[in-house]
Structure formats: C-alpha cells, structure tokens
Protein backbone atom coordinates (compact mmCIF):
# COMPACT_ATOMS: atom_id res chain seq x y z
CA MET A 1 -14.01 -21.96 7.28
CA LYS A 2 -11.80 -21.75 4.21
CA ALA A 3 -13.33 -18.36 3.45
CA THR A 4 -12.44 -17.28 6.99
CA PHE A 5 -8.77 -17.83 6.55
CA THR A 6 -8.40 -16.71 2.96
CA THR A 7 -9.16 -13.20 4.22
CA ILE A 8 -6.00 -13.16 6.33
CA PHE A 9 -3.52 -12.99 3.54
CA ALA A 10 -5.65 -10.78 1.37
CA LEU A 11 -4.92 -8.32 4.16
CA ILE A 12 -1.24 -9.14 4.28
CA LEU A 13 -1.17 -8.26 0.59
CA CYS A 14 -2.02 -4.69 1.54
CA ILE A 15 1.45 -4.06 2.94
CA SER A 16 2.67 -3.73 -0.64
CA ALA A 17 2.26 -0.06 -1.52
CA ASN A 18 1.29 -0.42 -5.11
CA ALA A 19 -2.25 -1.28 -6.17
CA GLY A 20 -5.37 -2.70 -4.67
CA GLY A 21 -7.48 -1.43 -1.79
CA PHE A 22 -6.43 2.09 -0.80
CA GLN A 23 -2.73 1.37 -1.20
CA VAL A 24 -0.87 4.41 -2.49
CA ASN A 25 2.76 5.51 -2.47
CA LEU A 26 2.67 7.78 0.59
CA GLN A 27 6.43 7.89 1.01
CA GLY A 28 6.99 11.57 0.26
CA GLN A 29 4.71 14.62 0.25
CA ARG A 30 6.43 16.18 -2.74
CA SER A 31 5.65 13.11 -4.83
CA SER A 32 2.16 12.81 -3.37
CA GLY A 33 1.27 16.31 -4.52
CA MET A 34 2.28 15.43 -8.10
CA GLY A 35 0.11 12.33 -8.51
CA HIS A 36 2.79 10.10 -6.93
CA THR A 37 5.24 10.78 -9.73
CA GLY A 38 8.98 11.11 -9.14
CA THR A 39 10.83 8.12 -10.62
CA GLY A 40 12.48 10.45 -13.16
CA MET A 41 13.01 13.35 -10.74
CA ARG A 42 15.44 14.25 -7.98
CA LEU A 43 13.44 14.05 -4.74
CA GLY A 44 16.26 14.30 -2.22
CA ALA A 45 16.20 11.74 0.62
CA ALA A 46 12.79 10.42 -0.53
CA SER A 47 14.44 9.14 -3.73
CA GLY A 48 15.66 6.24 -1.61
CA PHE A 49 12.17 4.80 -2.08
CA PHE A 50 11.10 6.20 -5.46
CA ASN A 51 14.40 5.71 -7.32
CA PRO A 52 17.64 4.81 -5.51
CA GLY A 53 19.58 6.02 -8.57
CA ALA A 54 18.34 9.58 -8.05
CA LEU A 55 19.48 9.42 -4.41
CA ALA A 56 23.04 9.73 -5.75
CA PHE A 57 22.34 13.43 -6.42
CA SER A 58 21.03 14.19 -2.93
CA GLY A 59 22.92 16.05 -0.25
CA THR A 60 22.70 15.19 3.43
CA GLU A 61 19.05 15.49 4.43
CA VAL A 62 16.58 14.32 7.07
CA LEU A 63 12.86 14.06 6.21
CA ILE A 64 9.89 12.91 8.30
CA GLY A 65 6.21 12.97 7.39
CA ILE A 66 2.76 11.60 8.13
CA ASN A 67 -0.56 11.17 6.32
CA LEU A 68 -4.11 10.77 7.56
CA ILE A 69 -6.34 8.34 5.66
CA SER A 70 -10.10 8.65 5.93
CA SER A 71 -11.70 6.03 3.70
CA SER A 72 -15.09 4.42 3.25
CA VAL A 73 -16.55 1.52 1.29
CA GLY A 74 -20.19 1.30 0.23
CA TYR A 75 -22.02 -1.98 -0.43
CA ARG A 76 -25.41 -2.53 -2.12
CA GLU A 77 -27.18 -5.76 -3.02
CA HIS A 78 -27.69 -6.67 -6.62
CA LYS A 79 -31.04 -5.47 -7.94
CA PRO A 80 -33.88 -5.96 -7.09
CA GLY A 81 -32.40 -6.09 -3.57
CA ILE A 82 -32.33 -2.82 -1.60
CA TYR A 83 -29.99 -3.72 1.27
CA THR A 84 -27.03 -1.35 1.77
CA ALA A 85 -24.07 -1.18 4.14
CA GLN A 86 -21.25 1.23 4.78
CA SER A 87 -17.85 0.52 6.26
CA THR A 88 -16.98 2.19 9.55
CA SER A 89 -13.27 2.49 8.97
CA GLY A 90 -11.17 4.44 11.44
CA LEU A 91 -8.45 6.96 10.69
CA GLY A 92 -5.20 5.55 9.29
CA THR A 93 -1.89 7.26 10.07
CA PRO A 94 0.87 5.97 7.75
CA PHE A 95 4.23 7.69 8.27
CA HIS A 96 7.53 7.93 6.41
CA GLY A 97 11.06 8.89 7.34
CA HIS A 98 14.12 9.18 5.08
CA ILE A 99 17.75 10.04 5.77
CA ALA A 100 20.37 10.73 3.09
CA ILE A 101 24.03 11.00 4.07
CA ARG A 102 26.76 12.26 1.73
CA PRO A 103 30.07 11.74 3.60
CA SER A 104 31.69 14.77 1.94
CA GLU A 105 30.71 17.41 -0.57
CA ASP A 106 32.63 15.76 -3.40
CA SER A 107 31.78 12.16 -2.46
CA PRO A 108 30.14 10.18 -5.30
CA ILE A 109 28.49 7.89 -2.73
CA VAL A 110 25.31 8.62 -0.79
CA PHE A 111 23.92 6.39 1.96
CA GLY A 112 20.21 6.24 2.73
CA LEU A 113 18.01 4.94 5.53
CA SER A 114 14.22 4.80 5.33
CA ALA A 115 11.28 3.61 7.40
CA TYR A 116 7.74 3.83 6.11
CA THR A 117 4.29 2.30 6.50
CA PRO A 118 2.87 1.42 3.10
CA PHE A 119 -0.34 0.42 4.85
CA GLY A 120 -1.54 1.45 8.31
CA SER A 121 -5.32 1.44 8.24
CA GLY A 122 -8.22 -0.98 8.43
CA ILE A 123 -11.85 -1.63 7.63
CA SER A 124 -14.87 -2.59 9.73
CA TYR A 125 -18.59 -3.11 9.28
CA ASP A 126 -21.54 -3.29 11.69
CA ASP A 127 -21.42 -6.63 13.50
CA ASP A 128 -24.79 -7.73 12.07
CA TRP A 129 -24.28 -6.66 8.45
CA LYS A 130 -25.05 -9.09 5.63
CA GLY A 131 -21.43 -10.15 5.16
CA LYS A 132 -20.67 -10.75 8.85
CA PHE A 133 -19.64 -14.36 8.18
CA LEU A 134 -16.92 -13.08 5.83
CA LEU A 135 -15.72 -10.07 7.80
CA ARG A 136 -16.62 -7.83 10.73
CA GLU A 137 -13.38 -5.96 11.28
CA MET A 138 -9.71 -6.02 10.36
CA SER A 139 -6.68 -3.84 11.08
CA LEU A 140 -3.17 -4.00 9.69
CA ALA A 141 0.03 -2.17 10.57
CA ALA A 142 3.12 -2.74 8.43
CA ILE A 143 6.54 -1.11 8.53
CA PHE A 144 9.22 -1.34 5.85
CA TYR A 145 12.84 -0.64 6.76
CA GLN A 146 15.26 0.15 3.93
CA GLY A 147 19.00 0.67 3.70
CA THR A 148 20.26 2.23 0.45
CA ILE A 149 23.60 2.96 -1.22
CA ALA A 150 23.75 5.19 -4.31
CA TYR A 151 26.66 6.08 -6.58
CA LYS A 152 26.96 9.10 -8.89
CA ILE A 153 28.87 7.87 -11.93
CA ASN A 154 29.05 11.36 -13.44
CA GLU A 155 27.04 14.60 -13.41
CA LYS A 156 24.25 12.99 -15.43
CA LEU A 157 24.11 9.34 -14.33
CA GLY A 158 23.41 7.78 -10.94
CA ILE A 159 22.67 4.23 -9.78
CA GLY A 160 21.48 2.83 -6.46
CA ALA A 161 20.44 -0.33 -4.65
CA ALA A 162 18.65 -1.03 -1.39
CA TYR A 163 17.80 -3.89 0.95
CA VAL A 164 14.26 -3.94 2.36
CA LEU A 165 13.01 -5.64 5.54
CA SER A 166 9.23 -5.69 6.06
CA THR A 167 7.35 -6.42 9.27
CA GLY A 168 3.61 -6.51 9.73
CA ASP A 169 0.95 -7.24 12.36
CA PHE A 170 -2.74 -7.80 11.74
CA ASN A 171 -5.98 -8.54 13.58
CA LEU A 172 -9.21 -9.83 12.08
CA ARG A 173 -12.60 -10.88 13.40
CA ARG A 174 -15.69 -12.34 11.71
CA ALA A 175 -18.86 -14.11 12.74
CA VAL A 176 -19.10 -17.91 12.81
CA PRO A 177 -22.43 -19.52 11.76
CA VAL A 178 -23.15 -21.10 15.17
CA GLN A 179 -25.28 -19.49 17.87
CA HIS A 180 -25.03 -19.06 21.63
CA SER A 181 -28.04 -19.60 23.88
CA ASP A 182 -28.88 -15.87 23.65
CA GLY A 183 -29.10 -16.08 19.86
CA SER A 184 -25.83 -14.22 19.15
CA TYR A 185 -23.43 -15.70 16.62
CA GLY A 186 -20.03 -17.04 17.50
CA GLU A 187 -16.91 -15.21 16.39
CA ALA A 188 -13.46 -15.98 15.04
CA ASN A 189 -10.53 -13.79 16.05
CA LEU A 190 -7.29 -14.09 14.10
CA SER A 191 -3.99 -12.37 14.71
CA GLY A 192 -0.38 -12.70 13.73
CA GLY A 193 2.64 -11.12 12.18
CA GLY A 194 4.89 -11.63 9.20
CA ILE A 195 8.43 -10.82 8.07
CA GLY A 196 9.65 -10.41 4.50
CA HIS A 197 12.77 -9.40 2.59
CA GLY A 198 13.26 -7.63 -0.72
CA PHE A 199 15.32 -5.10 -2.64
CA ASN A 200 14.95 -1.83 -4.52
CA VAL A 201 17.24 -0.77 -7.38
CA GLY A 202 17.23 2.17 -9.75
CA VAL A 203 19.02 4.25 -12.33
CA PHE A 204 18.66 7.99 -12.99
CA TYR A 205 19.87 9.79 -16.11
CA GLU A 206 19.73 13.41 -17.27
CA LEU A 207 19.08 13.10 -20.98
CA ALA A 208 19.30 16.86 -21.52
CA ASP A 209 19.35 20.02 -19.46
CA ASN A 210 15.57 19.96 -19.22
CA ILE A 211 14.80 16.22 -19.41
CA SER A 212 15.61 13.45 -16.95
CA LEU A 213 14.68 9.78 -16.96
CA GLY A 214 14.35 7.22 -14.21
CA LEU A 215 13.91 3.46 -14.03
CA SER A 216 13.50 1.53 -10.79
CA PHE A 217 12.50 -1.96 -9.71
CA ARG A 218 11.10 -2.95 -6.34
CA SER A 219 11.30 -6.70 -5.93
CA GLY A 220 8.57 -8.98 -4.76
CA VAL A 221 8.62 -9.60 -1.02
CA GLN A 222 8.23 -13.11 0.36
CA VAL A 223 6.17 -12.74 3.55
CA SER A 224 6.36 -15.65 5.98
CA LEU A 225 3.72 -15.98 8.68
CA ASP A 226 4.71 -18.51 11.33
CA GLY A 227 2.66 -19.09 14.44
CA GLY A 228 -0.40 -16.99 13.64
CA GLU A 229 -3.14 -17.58 16.21
CA ALA A 230 -6.81 -18.39 15.59
CA ARG A 231 -9.21 -18.08 18.55
CA PHE A 232 -12.95 -18.84 18.55
CA ASP A 233 -15.86 -17.71 20.70
CA VAL A 234 -18.41 -20.52 20.24
CA PRO A 235 -20.79 -22.52 22.43
CA GLU A 236 -18.82 -24.72 24.83
CA VAL A 237 -20.11 -27.94 23.25
CA LEU A 238 -18.39 -26.92 19.97
CA ASN A 239 -14.97 -26.08 21.43
CA GLU A 240 -13.44 -29.31 20.10
CA ASN A 241 -14.53 -28.40 16.58
CA PHE A 242 -13.13 -24.86 16.86
CA PRO A 243 -9.88 -25.20 18.83
CA THR A 244 -7.53 -22.32 19.51
CA THR A 245 -4.64 -23.12 17.19
CA ASN A 246 -1.68 -21.78 15.24
CA PHE A 247 -1.18 -21.69 11.50
CA ASP A 248 1.67 -21.05 9.03
CA SER A 249 1.71 -19.76 5.49
CA LYS A 250 3.70 -17.79 2.94
CA ILE A 251 2.83 -15.36 0.23
CA ARG A 252 4.83 -13.40 -2.32
CA LEU A 253 3.95 -9.74 -2.69
CA PRO A 254 4.26 -8.35 -6.23
CA SER A 255 7.28 -6.75 -7.81
CA VAL A 256 6.92 -3.26 -9.31
CA LEU A 257 8.72 -1.82 -12.34
CA ASN A 258 8.65 1.99 -12.50
CA PHE A 259 9.53 4.30 -15.37
CA GLY A 260 9.48 8.08 -15.09
CA VAL A 261 10.14 11.14 -17.24
CA SER A 262 10.63 14.66 -15.89
CA ILE A 263 10.44 17.59 -18.33
CA LYS A 264 11.38 21.10 -17.29
CA ALA A 265 9.10 23.13 -19.57
CA THR A 266 10.27 26.49 -18.22
CA GLU A 267 12.63 27.71 -15.52
CA LYS A 268 9.76 27.45 -13.04
CA THR A 269 7.49 24.64 -14.27
CA THR A 270 8.27 20.91 -14.41
CA PHE A 271 6.03 18.12 -15.72
CA ASN A 272 6.37 14.51 -14.56
CA PHE A 273 4.98 11.28 -16.03
CA ASP A 274 5.27 7.83 -14.42
CA LEU A 275 4.20 4.31 -15.34
CA ASN A 276 4.11 1.56 -12.69
CA TYR A 277 3.85 -2.05 -13.81
CA VAL A 278 2.70 -4.18 -10.87
CA ALA A 279 3.19 -7.95 -11.18
CA TRP A 280 0.15 -8.96 -9.14
CA SER A 281 -0.06 -12.33 -10.91
CA SER A 282 2.29 -13.61 -8.19
CA TYR A 283 -0.84 -13.65 -5.99
CA ASP A 284 -2.50 -16.71 -7.51
CA THR A 285 -3.34 -19.07 -4.64
CA LEU A 286 -3.46 -18.97 -0.85
CA SER A 287 -2.35 -22.02 1.12
CA PHE A 288 -2.75 -22.54 4.89
CA ASP A 289 -1.29 -25.13 7.21
CA PHE A 290 -3.11 -25.34 10.56
CA GLU A 291 -1.46 -26.96 13.53
CA ASP A 292 -4.72 -28.56 14.72
CA ASN A 293 -7.18 -29.81 12.13
CA THR A 294 -10.81 -30.78 12.66
CA GLU A 295 -13.67 -31.54 10.30
CA GLN A 296 -14.54 -27.82 10.40
CA LEU A 297 -10.94 -26.60 10.29
CA GLU A 298 -8.96 -28.10 7.44
CA ASP A 299 -5.83 -26.99 5.62
CA ALA A 300 -6.92 -24.92 2.64
CA ASN A 301 -5.91 -23.76 -0.81
CA SER A 302 -7.92 -20.87 -2.22
CA PRO A 303 -7.59 -19.33 -5.72
CA ARG A 304 -7.20 -15.54 -6.03
CA ARG A 305 -6.08 -15.17 -9.67
CA TYR A 306 -4.85 -11.57 -9.48
CA LYS A 307 -3.62 -10.07 -12.75
CA ASN A 308 -0.75 -7.74 -13.60
CA VAL A 309 -1.76 -4.08 -13.91
CA VAL A 310 -0.44 -0.67 -14.92
CA ILE A 311 -0.83 2.61 -13.02
CA ILE A 312 -0.66 5.78 -15.13
CA ARG A 313 0.49 8.95 -13.34
CA GLY A 314 1.03 12.59 -14.22
CA GLY A 315 1.89 15.70 -12.24
CA LEU A 316 3.48 19.14 -12.30
CA GLU A 317 5.47 21.38 -9.99
CA HIS A 318 5.59 25.18 -10.27
CA ILE A 319 8.04 27.47 -8.48
CA VAL A 320 6.20 30.61 -7.36
CA ASN A 321 9.22 32.25 -5.70
CA GLU A 322 12.32 31.34 -3.71
CA LYS A 323 10.24 30.02 -0.81
CA LEU A 324 7.02 28.66 -2.32
CA MET A 325 6.27 25.79 -4.73
CA LEU A 326 2.87 24.49 -5.85
CA ARG A 327 1.95 21.06 -7.24
CA ALA A 328 -0.92 19.12 -8.79
CA GLY A 329 -1.39 15.68 -10.29
CA ALA A 330 -3.64 12.76 -11.13
CA TYR A 331 -3.42 9.01 -11.74
CA TYR A 332 -5.50 6.06 -12.88
CA ASP A 333 -5.08 2.78 -11.02
CA PHE A 334 -6.39 -0.39 -12.69
CA THR A 335 -7.61 -3.05 -10.27
CA PRO A 336 -5.74 -6.39 -10.16
CA VAL A 337 -8.86 -8.22 -8.89
CA GLN A 338 -10.52 -10.19 -11.65
CA ASP A 339 -14.27 -10.75 -11.89
CA GLY A 340 -15.39 -13.44 -9.47
CA TYR A 341 -12.82 -12.65 -6.76
CA MET A 342 -14.14 -9.54 -4.94
CA THR A 343 -14.13 -9.81 -1.14
CA PRO A 344 -15.37 -7.48 1.66
CA GLU A 345 -11.91 -7.03 3.18
CA THR A 346 -10.33 -5.84 -0.09
CA PRO A 347 -13.21 -4.61 -2.25
CA ASP A 348 -11.21 -3.27 -5.14
CA MET A 349 -12.05 -1.51 -8.38
CA ASP A 350 -10.43 0.87 -10.88
CA LYS A 351 -9.59 4.11 -9.07
CA ILE A 352 -8.93 7.72 -9.99
CA GLY A 353 -6.67 9.82 -7.78
CA LEU A 354 -6.49 13.64 -7.77
CA THR A 355 -3.74 15.42 -5.84
CA VAL A 356 -2.47 18.89 -4.90
CA GLY A 357 0.52 19.99 -2.86
CA ALA A 358 2.80 22.82 -1.80
CA SER A 359 6.21 23.48 -0.23
CA TYR A 360 7.48 26.37 1.83
CA GLN A 361 11.18 27.00 2.49
CA ILE A 362 12.39 28.42 5.83
CA LYS A 363 16.20 28.66 5.69
CA LYS A 364 17.41 25.03 5.73
CA PHE A 365 13.98 23.66 6.59
CA GLN A 366 11.26 22.79 4.11
CA ILE A 367 7.62 22.08 4.92
CA ASP A 368 5.71 19.99 2.36
CA ALA A 369 1.98 19.36 2.36
CA SER A 370 -0.28 17.36 0.07
CA PHE A 371 -3.92 16.38 -0.27
CA MET A 372 -5.39 13.49 -2.23
CA TYR A 373 -8.87 12.38 -3.18
CA ILE A 374 -9.39 8.82 -4.44
CA HIS A 375 -12.59 7.72 -6.15
CA GLY A 376 -13.29 4.03 -6.75
CA ASN A 377 -15.58 3.36 -9.71
CA GLU A 378 -18.67 1.30 -8.87
CA ARG A 379 -18.14 -2.41 -9.44
CA LYS A 380 -20.55 -5.34 -9.50
CA ASP A 381 -19.34 -8.84 -8.74
CA THR A 382 -20.21 -12.27 -7.35
CA ASN A 383 -17.45 -14.15 -5.55
CA LEU A 384 -17.04 -17.59 -7.12
CA GLU A 385 -15.88 -19.22 -3.89
CA THR A 386 -18.33 -17.79 -1.34
CA GLY A 387 -21.23 -16.73 -3.58
CA PHE A 388 -21.30 -13.29 -1.93
CA GLU A 389 -22.56 -10.76 -4.45
CA GLY A 390 -23.22 -7.06 -4.65
CA ARG A 391 -22.14 -3.65 -5.90
CA TRP A 392 -19.21 -1.79 -4.35
CA THR A 393 -18.00 1.82 -4.30
CA SER A 394 -15.13 3.45 -2.41
CA ARG A 395 -13.51 6.80 -1.72
CA ALA A 396 -10.70 8.19 0.40
CA PHE A 397 -9.43 11.57 1.58
CA ILE A 398 -5.70 11.73 2.40
CA PRO A 399 -4.02 14.91 3.68
CA GLY A 400 -0.32 14.78 4.56
CA ILE A 401 2.55 16.91 5.85
CA SER A 402 6.31 16.54 6.21
CA ILE A 403 9.33 18.55 7.28
CA SER A 404 12.87 18.20 6.02
CA TYR A 405 16.24 19.63 6.97
CA LYS A 406 19.16 19.91 4.58
CA LEU A 407 22.74 20.38 5.77
C-alpha cells in the first residue's frame, strides 16, 4: 500500500515544468522552436515566464497558444524475459497565455499576466499489464497563474519579479492484490488537488549591440494537498481494511536557475544558448498522513532521492524577410531519477529534444508555430522499494501554435 500512495506525489511533481517525465517549457512557441532557449533574449510578453527582466523591454502585447503532446512509453522485462508493454497515453493539450502592458510609450514599467499549464497529460497501461499493482492509469492537469512587474533601468538593463500561484488536480487508479468472486482484481482510485506558491525573478542585460545576457530564478513551489480522497473497489468482506478515506501531504517542487546568452551573428541570424540548473534534490522523501489507518493502510514515508541536474539548450532564429522567421534548436535533458528509483508513472531517463519553428507576421498579428521530437534513451533499472524491474524507452511528438497581437 505504501507503493500505491507514493505514486501520487510523483505525479504532483510533474507540474514543475523543468525536468523529468515529458516536462518541457511549453510557455512560448518562439522559444519552443529554438530548443526552449530565450533567457538571454527579448521574447515579448512570453518573457514574463522565461525572464521577467526581459519583459521590461516589451510593448503592450497579448499572446495565446496551445500544444498537442502525443507521447508513449515502452517497457520490456530484463533478459531473458520477453514480456513487453506499451503505454496507451492520450493526447495532452497544455496551453499558455501571456499579457504585457506598458502604461505609456515612455514608461519604464511593464506589467505582465500569465496563465500556463506546465503539465496537462497523463499515462495509462492495459489493465492487466505486469505492473498493474503499481499503476493502471493517471491523469494530471495543472495551471500556473503569474503576475509580473518589470522595470527598465536604462536602454540596456532590465529587472523583473513575479508571484506565482499553482493549482493542480489529479486522478490515479491501480490494481489491488485482492480478488472478487469473478477472479478480477480490486482497484484503488485516488484523486485530489493541490495549491502552491512561488516567485520568478530575472535580470536582462545587453552586453553589446549584438550580445545580450539573461539570468532568472524560478523558486521552488510548496504544494499542499489537503483532503485528497482514496476510494477502493474490493470484496465487501475487506471494506474495513480498505476504507474510503482522506489524506494530507506536502511536497516542495524544485527551484530552477537559468542562464542564457543571445548572440546576433548577422543582421538576420541570432544564436541562443541556455543552461537550466534544476534543484531536484528537494524531492528526497514522500510523507503521507491518512485520516483513517488500518493494518493495510498506514502512514508512510518513502525515499525518492532525486538529484540536481543540468539541461543544456541551443537554438537559432533566422529572419527570411519582413514577414517570415525560421527557427531550429536542440537540448539534452539529464534525468534526476537515480538508479533504484524508476517507477511506471514517471519512467524517466536522459532525453534528447529536437525542435523547429517559424513565425509569420500579418500587420500587428504574429502567428508562431513549433514542432518538437523528444527521444528518451533506453534505461534499465530495478526499483529498490517495490522490486519492479525492466527496461524503459520513451518518445514524444509535440506540435504547437500561438497567435499574438501587439499594440
């Protein structure tokens, strides 16, 4: 039963759009097309997320966008076993919206409002797959709301700060190792929601006419889950051992330090390089407090032992003409999951991302599109807590589109 509930907050972790699982920074199509770079670049209203300091150089703008995530996870037993399984994940639809408001043309202050879904997908397996007692299906929808204020100190230097409110809802089901009279296994269904608070700060500086630098810090977010509900479908004689009950817990999502450089090589071509340092070590242990305890349902503490990681990103943008821009990029994302801690709900490994993108200008409107392919390197592992072992692979295809309007 401890393994049942440790999965819950592994999922809650996914609302941090940094590393692990298929979490990527889908908060702006322009950035997405350049390998998710942009900390050291002016991105208009989207800078509210990527670097609040760069928002100080934005005019009044409204931007809305959406992505489609089609992902799959493959599982294979350790040799000499031949059993295989494939996830049956649905289509995720994370969205983002950003507003930048400059009160007047000569105002040094810019206000920003953002709403975005750093994770809006899920994962499921066939009900009778080998790992059914760990996971059958989960879904998670999280929304971050952000209010930003940025100040342009001079024509080269800008600073900004933002408050972030996060909300999230999840559902999870897994088999329970007891059987009904027809031979089918029981099932646990878990659901709940969490609220967290954080901040985002940044500084942007133009070192030279063709070089700009950016540094931003997104704080860790303390997510509190109060009153989550656990329901069980088991034989009637076992109802007392598996009561419908509530549970509380807390977890701290990692902080992220971002550094970016933007180099304008020619009048039409710009290169961007970003480094993200993700402090995943904050995710060390999961603790759960259940309202009703039984011999089968005890309060639990489960080790996760995540490690801090770096994401390396690079991208370029080329201006074809006054209306058309093209982009490309790539990144390498190191997994924070150490050996011995792989789980079916967040089977994570080092990942390579390849991206392309384009923009088309129509008067004051701009349409941005991007496409991303993510390949997860095969990883072998045996979970120290549950003993579940195997080899894992993953991949994802993520197209996206947005439209913006500048006053």
